[in-house]
Amino acid sequence: MNRTSDFNFERAEKAISDYAKATGDDERTTDLMIYFVECGYQFTLDYGDIDEVFYDTLIEMYEKAVGRVRRMPKNKQGPFRKRLEKIMKFTDGIGWGYHDDLGDLYYGAFQQR
């Protein structure tokens, strides 16, 4: 059974893209991107370790969200950075190098060690 078939990446990514185009609201679009990754984390908790494609997709969205947060004014970054950090920290022990990639992206972007 391919558990990723229950998680429709294309539909979710298209919804985020459509929302961004329709509203031009960078903060809420970033919120949706982070929520996408948070849902992926919850999916892993609910169903166990998934597969490489699943985690690669989450990493790509996480990277896009990190980029958006970096472009925000510093005074608006805090809540988003906290959520990104929480995701990164909570993924320790998840397979396919997922945690390591998120750590590299987070620390590379925000230079906190």
N, C-alpha and C. Protein backbone atom coordinates (compact mmCIF):
# COMPACT_ATOMS: atom_id res chain seq x y z
N MET A 1 0.84 -1.19 0.00
CA MET A 1 0.00 0.00 0.00
C MET A 1 0.88 1.24 0.00
N ASN A 2 0.62 2.15 -0.86
CA ASN A 2 1.34 3.42 -0.93
C ASN A 2 0.58 4.45 -0.11
N ARG A 3 1.08 4.73 1.09
CA ARG A 3 0.38 5.64 1.99
C ARG A 3 0.36 7.07 1.48
N THR A 4 1.30 7.42 0.63
CA THR A 4 1.30 8.80 0.12
C THR A 4 0.12 9.07 -0.79
N SER A 5 -0.56 8.02 -1.26
CA SER A 5 -1.74 8.25 -2.10
C SER A 5 -2.86 8.91 -1.31
N ASP A 6 -2.83 8.79 0.02
CA ASP A 6 -3.82 9.44 0.87
C ASP A 6 -3.51 10.92 1.08
N PHE A 7 -2.34 11.33 0.72
CA PHE A 7 -1.89 12.70 0.91
C PHE A 7 -1.69 13.29 -0.48
N ASN A 8 -2.63 14.08 -0.96
CA ASN A 8 -2.62 14.57 -2.33
C ASN A 8 -1.75 15.83 -2.43
N PHE A 9 -0.48 15.61 -2.75
CA PHE A 9 0.49 16.71 -2.84
C PHE A 9 0.09 17.73 -3.89
N GLU A 10 -0.24 17.25 -5.06
CA GLU A 10 -0.53 18.16 -6.17
C GLU A 10 -1.72 19.06 -5.85
N ARG A 11 -2.75 18.50 -5.27
CA ARG A 11 -3.93 19.29 -4.94
C ARG A 11 -3.59 20.35 -3.89
N ALA A 12 -2.84 19.95 -2.88
CA ALA A 12 -2.47 20.89 -1.81
C ALA A 12 -1.56 22.00 -2.35
N GLU A 13 -0.57 21.61 -3.15
CA GLU A 13 0.35 22.61 -3.70
C GLU A 13 -0.39 23.57 -4.64
N LYS A 14 -1.31 23.04 -5.44
CA LYS A 14 -2.08 23.90 -6.34
C LYS A 14 -2.96 24.86 -5.55
N ALA A 15 -3.57 24.38 -4.47
CA ALA A 15 -4.41 25.24 -3.64
C ALA A 15 -3.59 26.39 -3.05
N ILE A 16 -2.39 26.09 -2.61
CA ILE A 16 -1.51 27.13 -2.06
C ILE A 16 -1.12 28.13 -3.15
N SER A 17 -0.76 27.61 -4.31
CA SER A 17 -0.37 28.47 -5.43
C SER A 17 -1.55 29.35 -5.87
N ASP A 18 -2.72 28.75 -6.00
CA ASP A 18 -3.91 29.51 -6.40
C ASP A 18 -4.23 30.60 -5.37
N TYR A 19 -4.12 30.26 -4.10
CA TYR A 19 -4.38 31.24 -3.04
C TYR A 19 -3.39 32.40 -3.15
N ALA A 20 -2.11 32.08 -3.34
CA ALA A 20 -1.09 33.13 -3.45
C ALA A 20 -1.39 34.07 -4.61
N LYS A 21 -1.76 33.49 -5.75
CA LYS A 21 -2.07 34.30 -6.93
C LYS A 21 -3.33 35.14 -6.72
N ALA A 22 -4.33 34.56 -6.11
CA ALA A 22 -5.61 35.24 -5.93
C ALA A 22 -5.55 36.37 -4.91
N THR A 23 -4.75 36.20 -3.87
CA THR A 23 -4.76 37.17 -2.78
C THR A 23 -3.54 38.08 -2.74
N GLY A 24 -2.40 37.57 -3.20
CA GLY A 24 -1.17 38.34 -3.07
C GLY A 24 -0.74 38.52 -1.61
N ASP A 25 -1.31 37.73 -0.73
CA ASP A 25 -1.05 37.83 0.71
C ASP A 25 0.11 36.92 1.08
N ASP A 26 1.30 37.51 1.18
CA ASP A 26 2.50 36.72 1.46
C ASP A 26 2.48 36.03 2.81
N GLU A 27 1.96 36.71 3.82
CA GLU A 27 1.95 36.12 5.16
C GLU A 27 1.03 34.91 5.23
N ARG A 28 -0.16 35.03 4.70
CA ARG A 28 -1.09 33.90 4.76
C ARG A 28 -0.66 32.77 3.84
N THR A 29 -0.04 33.10 2.73
CA THR A 29 0.49 32.05 1.86
C THR A 29 1.60 31.30 2.58
N THR A 30 2.46 32.02 3.27
CA THR A 30 3.52 31.38 4.05
C THR A 30 2.92 30.51 5.13
N ASP A 31 1.87 31.00 5.77
CA ASP A 31 1.17 30.22 6.78
C ASP A 31 0.67 28.90 6.19
N LEU A 32 0.09 28.94 5.01
CA LEU A 32 -0.40 27.73 4.35
C LEU A 32 0.74 26.77 4.02
N MET A 33 1.86 27.30 3.58
CA MET A 33 3.01 26.46 3.26
C MET A 33 3.51 25.73 4.51
N ILE A 34 3.61 26.46 5.59
CA ILE A 34 4.06 25.84 6.84
C ILE A 34 3.03 24.83 7.32
N TYR A 35 1.76 25.15 7.18
CA TYR A 35 0.70 24.22 7.56
C TYR A 35 0.81 22.92 6.75
N PHE A 36 1.11 23.03 5.47
CA PHE A 36 1.33 21.87 4.60
C PHE A 36 2.38 20.94 5.21
N VAL A 37 3.50 21.52 5.65
CA VAL A 37 4.58 20.72 6.23
C VAL A 37 4.15 20.17 7.59
N GLU A 38 3.44 20.97 8.37
CA GLU A 38 2.93 20.48 9.66
C GLU A 38 1.99 19.29 9.46
N CYS A 39 1.15 19.35 8.44
CA CYS A 39 0.26 18.22 8.15
C CYS A 39 1.05 16.98 7.75
N GLY A 40 2.11 17.18 7.00
CA GLY A 40 2.97 16.06 6.63
C GLY A 40 3.61 15.41 7.84
N TYR A 41 4.03 16.24 8.78
CA TYR A 41 4.59 15.72 10.03
C TYR A 41 3.53 14.91 10.78
N GLN A 42 2.33 15.44 10.87
CA GLN A 42 1.25 14.73 11.56
C GLN A 42 0.91 13.44 10.85
N PHE A 43 0.95 13.45 9.53
CA PHE A 43 0.70 12.26 8.73
C PHE A 43 1.70 11.17 9.09
N THR A 44 2.97 11.56 9.28
CA THR A 44 4.00 10.61 9.67
C THR A 44 3.71 10.05 11.07
N LEU A 45 3.29 10.91 11.98
CA LEU A 45 2.95 10.44 13.32
C LEU A 45 1.79 9.44 13.27
N ASP A 46 0.82 9.72 12.44
CA ASP A 46 -0.37 8.87 12.35
C ASP A 46 -0.11 7.54 11.65
N TYR A 47 0.74 7.55 10.61
CA TYR A 47 0.91 6.37 9.77
C TYR A 47 2.31 5.75 9.82
N GLY A 48 3.23 6.38 10.50
CA GLY A 48 4.60 5.86 10.55
C GLY A 48 5.44 6.40 9.40
N ASP A 49 6.66 5.94 9.33
CA ASP A 49 7.60 6.37 8.30
C ASP A 49 7.00 6.12 6.93
N ILE A 50 7.11 7.10 6.04
CA ILE A 50 6.47 6.99 4.72
C ILE A 50 7.53 6.59 3.68
N ASP A 51 7.83 7.45 2.73
CA ASP A 51 8.82 7.14 1.70
C ASP A 51 9.57 8.41 1.29
N GLU A 52 10.57 8.22 0.48
CA GLU A 52 11.45 9.32 0.09
C GLU A 52 10.71 10.42 -0.65
N VAL A 53 9.82 10.07 -1.55
CA VAL A 53 9.07 11.06 -2.32
C VAL A 53 8.25 11.95 -1.38
N PHE A 54 7.63 11.35 -0.39
CA PHE A 54 6.84 12.08 0.59
C PHE A 54 7.70 13.13 1.28
N TYR A 55 8.86 12.71 1.80
CA TYR A 55 9.71 13.63 2.54
C TYR A 55 10.36 14.66 1.63
N ASP A 56 10.71 14.27 0.42
CA ASP A 56 11.27 15.24 -0.52
C ASP A 56 10.27 16.36 -0.82
N THR A 57 8.99 16.00 -0.95
CA THR A 57 7.96 16.99 -1.20
C THR A 57 7.81 17.95 -0.03
N LEU A 58 7.84 17.41 1.18
CA LEU A 58 7.77 18.25 2.38
C LEU A 58 8.98 19.16 2.48
N ILE A 59 10.15 18.64 2.17
CA ILE A 59 11.38 19.44 2.23
C ILE A 59 11.29 20.60 1.24
N GLU A 60 10.79 20.34 0.04
CA GLU A 60 10.65 21.40 -0.96
C GLU A 60 9.74 22.51 -0.47
N MET A 61 8.62 22.14 0.14
CA MET A 61 7.69 23.16 0.64
C MET A 61 8.31 23.90 1.83
N TYR A 62 9.00 23.18 2.69
CA TYR A 62 9.67 23.81 3.83
C TYR A 62 10.69 24.84 3.33
N GLU A 63 11.43 24.47 2.30
CA GLU A 63 12.44 25.38 1.73
C GLU A 63 11.78 26.64 1.17
N LYS A 64 10.66 26.47 0.48
CA LYS A 64 9.94 27.63 -0.05
C LYS A 64 9.44 28.53 1.09
N ALA A 65 8.93 27.91 2.15
CA ALA A 65 8.44 28.68 3.29
C ALA A 65 9.58 29.43 3.97
N VAL A 66 10.72 28.79 4.13
CA VAL A 66 11.89 29.44 4.72
C VAL A 66 12.27 30.66 3.89
N GLY A 67 12.29 30.51 2.58
CA GLY A 67 12.63 31.62 1.70
C GLY A 67 11.66 32.78 1.85
N ARG A 68 10.39 32.49 1.96
CA ARG A 68 9.39 33.54 2.15
C ARG A 68 9.58 34.26 3.48
N VAL A 69 9.85 33.49 4.52
CA VAL A 69 10.06 34.09 5.85
C VAL A 69 11.28 34.99 5.83
N ARG A 70 12.33 34.56 5.19
CA ARG A 70 13.55 35.37 5.11
C ARG A 70 13.31 36.71 4.41
N ARG A 71 12.39 36.74 3.46
CA ARG A 71 12.11 37.97 2.73
C ARG A 71 11.16 38.90 3.48
N MET A 72 10.56 38.42 4.54
CA MET A 72 9.65 39.25 5.34
C MET A 72 10.45 40.25 6.18
N PRO A 73 9.83 41.35 6.54
CA PRO A 73 10.48 42.25 7.50
C PRO A 73 10.75 41.48 8.80
N LYS A 74 11.87 41.78 9.44
CA LYS A 74 12.27 41.07 10.66
C LYS A 74 11.16 41.04 11.70
N ASN A 75 10.41 42.12 11.83
CA ASN A 75 9.38 42.19 12.87
C ASN A 75 8.19 41.27 12.61
N LYS A 76 8.10 40.68 11.43
CA LYS A 76 7.00 39.77 11.11
C LYS A 76 7.44 38.30 11.07
N GLN A 77 8.73 38.04 11.18
CA GLN A 77 9.26 36.69 11.02
C GLN A 77 9.03 35.78 12.22
N GLY A 78 8.97 36.34 13.42
CA GLY A 78 8.97 35.57 14.66
C GLY A 78 8.06 34.36 14.71
N PRO A 79 6.75 34.53 14.53
CA PRO A 79 5.85 33.38 14.64
C PRO A 79 6.14 32.29 13.59
N PHE A 80 6.52 32.72 12.40
CA PHE A 80 6.81 31.76 11.34
C PHE A 80 8.10 30.99 11.64
N ARG A 81 9.10 31.72 12.11
CA ARG A 81 10.36 31.06 12.46
C ARG A 81 10.17 30.06 13.58
N LYS A 82 9.33 30.39 14.54
CA LYS A 82 9.06 29.46 15.65
C LYS A 82 8.42 28.18 15.14
N ARG A 83 7.48 28.31 14.24
CA ARG A 83 6.83 27.11 13.68
C ARG A 83 7.80 26.28 12.86
N LEU A 84 8.62 26.95 12.05
CA LEU A 84 9.62 26.22 11.26
C LEU A 84 10.62 25.50 12.16
N GLU A 85 11.03 26.18 13.22
CA GLU A 85 11.96 25.56 14.16
C GLU A 85 11.32 24.36 14.85
N LYS A 86 10.09 24.50 15.26
CA LYS A 86 9.37 23.42 15.93
C LYS A 86 9.28 22.19 15.02
N ILE A 87 8.93 22.40 13.77
CA ILE A 87 8.88 21.29 12.81
C ILE A 87 10.23 20.61 12.74
N MET A 88 11.27 21.42 12.55
CA MET A 88 12.61 20.87 12.41
C MET A 88 13.01 20.06 13.64
N LYS A 89 12.77 20.58 14.81
CA LYS A 89 13.16 19.88 16.05
C LYS A 89 12.34 18.61 16.26
N PHE A 90 11.06 18.65 15.97
CA PHE A 90 10.20 17.50 16.22
C PHE A 90 10.41 16.36 15.22
N THR A 91 11.10 16.63 14.13
CA THR A 91 11.30 15.59 13.11
C THR A 91 12.52 14.72 13.38
N ASP A 92 13.23 14.98 14.45
CA ASP A 92 14.40 14.16 14.78
C ASP A 92 13.98 12.69 14.86
N GLY A 93 14.69 11.85 14.13
CA GLY A 93 14.38 10.42 14.14
C GLY A 93 13.53 9.96 12.97
N ILE A 94 12.99 10.90 12.20
CA ILE A 94 12.22 10.51 11.02
C ILE A 94 13.21 10.20 9.90
N GLY A 95 12.93 9.18 9.14
CA GLY A 95 13.85 8.65 8.14
C GLY A 95 14.08 9.50 6.91
N TRP A 96 14.86 8.94 6.02
CA TRP A 96 15.17 9.49 4.70
C TRP A 96 15.97 10.80 4.76
N GLY A 97 16.65 11.09 5.87
CA GLY A 97 17.43 12.31 5.99
C GLY A 97 16.57 13.55 6.15
N TYR A 98 15.31 13.35 6.42
CA TYR A 98 14.34 14.45 6.51
C TYR A 98 14.76 15.48 7.56
N HIS A 99 15.01 15.03 8.75
CA HIS A 99 15.39 15.95 9.84
C HIS A 99 16.67 16.71 9.50
N ASP A 100 17.66 16.01 8.96
CA ASP A 100 18.92 16.65 8.61
C ASP A 100 18.72 17.75 7.57
N ASP A 101 17.92 17.47 6.57
CA ASP A 101 17.66 18.47 5.53
C ASP A 101 16.94 19.69 6.09
N LEU A 102 15.95 19.45 6.95
CA LEU A 102 15.23 20.58 7.55
C LEU A 102 16.18 21.40 8.42
N GLY A 103 17.05 20.73 9.18
CA GLY A 103 18.02 21.43 10.01
C GLY A 103 18.96 22.28 9.17
N ASP A 104 19.45 21.72 8.07
CA ASP A 104 20.34 22.48 7.18
C ASP A 104 19.63 23.72 6.64
N LEU A 105 18.38 23.55 6.23
CA LEU A 105 17.62 24.68 5.69
C LEU A 105 17.36 25.73 6.76
N TYR A 106 16.92 25.28 7.93
CA TYR A 106 16.59 26.23 9.00
C TYR A 106 17.83 26.99 9.47
N TYR A 107 18.85 26.26 9.84
CA TYR A 107 20.05 26.93 10.38
C TYR A 107 20.79 27.72 9.30
N GLY A 108 20.75 27.21 8.06
CA GLY A 108 21.37 27.94 6.97
C GLY A 108 20.69 29.29 6.72
N ALA A 109 19.38 29.31 6.90
CA ALA A 109 18.63 30.54 6.64
C ALA A 109 18.68 31.51 7.80
N PHE A 110 18.63 30.99 9.00
CA PHE A 110 18.49 31.86 10.15
C PHE A 110 19.74 31.91 11.03
N GLN A 111 20.77 31.16 10.65
CA GLN A 111 22.10 31.20 11.27
C GLN A 111 22.05 31.14 12.80
N GLN A 112 21.28 30.23 13.32
CA GLN A 112 21.21 30.01 14.77
C GLN A 112 21.73 28.62 15.06
N ARG A 113 22.78 28.54 15.77
CA ARG A 113 23.34 27.22 16.13
C ARG A 113 23.38 27.08 17.62
